[in-house]
């Protein structure tokens, strides 16, 4: 089983980090393949609500006009 754990806490080594660490270690012991992402390590801008990503015709999503770390995260 593959699991992507996304940590949204801005504070390193806080309660959320500790909780996620214990959770992912337990899941790894059970055989899970864990990838963890700490959002604080990615430069992500606030959404501008320009709708470029969702107002394109067809089923494929449009592209965000911001050049930040979000595109790399979406691929993962």
C-alpha atoms as a PDB file:
ATOM      1  CA  UNK A   1       0.000   0.000   0.000  1.00  0.00           C
ATOM      2  CA  UNK A   2       1.309   3.466  -0.915  1.00  0.00           C
ATOM      3  CA  UNK A   3       0.388   6.416   1.284  1.00  0.00           C
ATOM      4  CA  UNK A   4       1.051  10.102   0.716  1.00  0.00           C
ATOM      5  CA  UNK A   5       1.087  11.915   4.072  1.00  0.00           C
ATOM      6  CA  UNK A   6       0.649  15.688   3.767  1.00  0.00           C
ATOM      7  CA  UNK A   7       1.660  17.782   6.761  1.00  0.00           C
ATOM      8  CA  UNK A   8       0.115  21.254   6.696  1.00  0.00           C
ATOM      9  CA  UNK A   9       1.635  22.512   9.945  1.00  0.00           C
ATOM     10  CA  UNK A  10       3.909  25.547   9.686  1.00  0.00           C
ATOM     11  CA  UNK A  11       5.738  24.699  12.924  1.00  0.00           C
ATOM     12  CA  UNK A  12       8.581  22.171  12.728  1.00  0.00           C
ATOM     13  CA  UNK A  13       8.800  19.578  15.517  1.00  0.00           C
ATOM     14  CA  UNK A  14       5.428  20.543  16.918  1.00  0.00           C
ATOM     15  CA  UNK A  15       2.555  18.307  17.933  1.00  0.00           C
ATOM     16  CA  UNK A  16       1.415  17.672  14.354  1.00  0.00           C
ATOM     17  CA  UNK A  17       4.921  16.592  13.301  1.00  0.00           C
ATOM     18  CA  UNK A  18       5.153  14.227  16.257  1.00  0.00           C
ATOM     19  CA  UNK A  19       1.731  12.760  15.579  1.00  0.00           C
ATOM     20  CA  UNK A  20       2.449  12.266  11.894  1.00  0.00           C
ATOM     21  CA  UNK A  21       5.825  10.696  12.682  1.00  0.00           C
ATOM     22  CA  UNK A  22       4.230   8.124  14.993  1.00  0.00           C
ATOM     23  CA  UNK A  23       1.457   7.410  12.515  1.00  0.00           C
ATOM     24  CA  UNK A  24       3.775   6.919   9.547  1.00  0.00           C
ATOM     25  CA  UNK A  25       6.195   4.717  11.542  1.00  0.00           C
ATOM     26  CA  UNK A  26       3.301   2.478  12.596  1.00  0.00           C
ATOM     27  CA  UNK A  27       2.050   2.231   9.018  1.00  0.00           C
ATOM     28  CA  UNK A  28       5.552   1.422   7.757  1.00  0.00           C
ATOM     29  CA  UNK A  29       5.802  -1.373  10.320  1.00  0.00           C
ATOM     30  CA  UNK A  30       2.600  -2.766   8.816  1.00  0.00           C
ATOM     31  CA  UNK A  31       4.205  -2.732   5.351  1.00  0.00           C
ATOM     32  CA  UNK A  32       3.017   0.571   3.903  1.00  0.00           C
ATOM     33  CA  UNK A  33       5.205   2.619   1.565  1.00  0.00           C
ATOM     34  CA  UNK A  34       5.051   6.175   2.961  1.00  0.00           C
ATOM     35  CA  UNK A  35       5.914   9.434   1.257  1.00  0.00           C
ATOM     36  CA  UNK A  36       5.607  12.522   3.456  1.00  0.00           C
ATOM     37  CA  UNK A  37       5.277  16.091   2.257  1.00  0.00           C
ATOM     38  CA  UNK A  38       5.728  19.027   4.612  1.00  0.00           C
ATOM     39  CA  UNK A  39       3.949  21.967   2.998  1.00  0.00           C
ATOM     40  CA  UNK A  40       6.130  24.436   4.891  1.00  0.00           C
ATOM     41  CA  UNK A  41       9.019  23.312   2.645  1.00  0.00           C
ATOM     42  CA  UNK A  42       7.226  24.395  -0.537  1.00  0.00           C
ATOM     43  CA  UNK A  43       6.765  27.968  -1.746  1.00  0.00           C
ATOM     44  CA  UNK A  44       3.019  28.024  -2.345  1.00  0.00           C
ATOM     45  CA  UNK A  45       1.228  31.284  -3.070  1.00  0.00           C
ATOM     46  CA  UNK A  46      -2.340  32.057  -2.119  1.00  0.00           C
ATOM     47  CA  UNK A  47      -4.966  31.287  -4.724  1.00  0.00           C
ATOM     48  CA  UNK A  48      -5.831  34.423  -6.703  1.00  0.00           C
ATOM     49  CA  UNK A  49      -9.250  33.046  -7.700  1.00  0.00           C
ATOM     50  CA  UNK A  50      -8.506  33.873 -11.336  1.00  0.00           C
ATOM     51  CA  UNK A  51     -10.061  30.541 -12.403  1.00  0.00           C
ATOM     52  CA  UNK A  52      -7.436  29.846 -15.088  1.00  0.00           C
ATOM     53  CA  UNK A  53      -7.077  26.332 -13.686  1.00  0.00           C
ATOM     54  CA  UNK A  54     -10.755  25.453 -13.971  1.00  0.00           C
ATOM     55  CA  UNK A  55     -12.313  27.534 -16.755  1.00  0.00           C
ATOM     56  CA  UNK A  56     -10.800  25.722 -19.738  1.00  0.00           C
ATOM     57  CA  UNK A  57     -12.995  23.685 -22.096  1.00  0.00           C
ATOM     58  CA  UNK A  58     -12.597  19.902 -21.948  1.00  0.00           C
ATOM     59  CA  UNK A  59     -11.913  17.467 -19.151  1.00  0.00           C
ATOM     60  CA  UNK A  60      -8.248  18.360 -18.542  1.00  0.00           C
ATOM     61  CA  UNK A  61      -7.536  20.936 -15.883  1.00  0.00           C
ATOM     62  CA  UNK A  62      -6.069  24.266 -16.890  1.00  0.00           C
ATOM     63  CA  UNK A  63      -2.752  25.540 -15.627  1.00  0.00           C
ATOM     64  CA  UNK A  64      -2.268  27.803 -12.629  1.00  0.00           C
ATOM     65  CA  UNK A  65      -0.834  31.195 -13.545  1.00  0.00           C
ATOM     66  CA  UNK A  66       1.368  31.236 -10.455  1.00  0.00           C
ATOM     67  CA  UNK A  67       4.842  29.749 -10.695  1.00  0.00           C
ATOM     68  CA  UNK A  68       5.265  28.267  -7.247  1.00  0.00           C
ATOM     69  CA  UNK A  69       5.751  24.854  -5.669  1.00  0.00           C
ATOM     70  CA  UNK A  70       2.156  23.689  -6.141  1.00  0.00           C
ATOM     71  CA  UNK A  71       2.663  22.188  -9.623  1.00  0.00           C
ATOM     72  CA  UNK A  72       5.298  19.799  -8.257  1.00  0.00           C
ATOM     73  CA  UNK A  73       2.984  18.769  -5.420  1.00  0.00           C
ATOM     74  CA  UNK A  74       0.023  18.103  -7.717  1.00  0.00           C
ATOM     75  CA  UNK A  75       2.157  15.698  -9.771  1.00  0.00           C
ATOM     76  CA  UNK A  76       2.955  13.683  -6.656  1.00  0.00           C
END
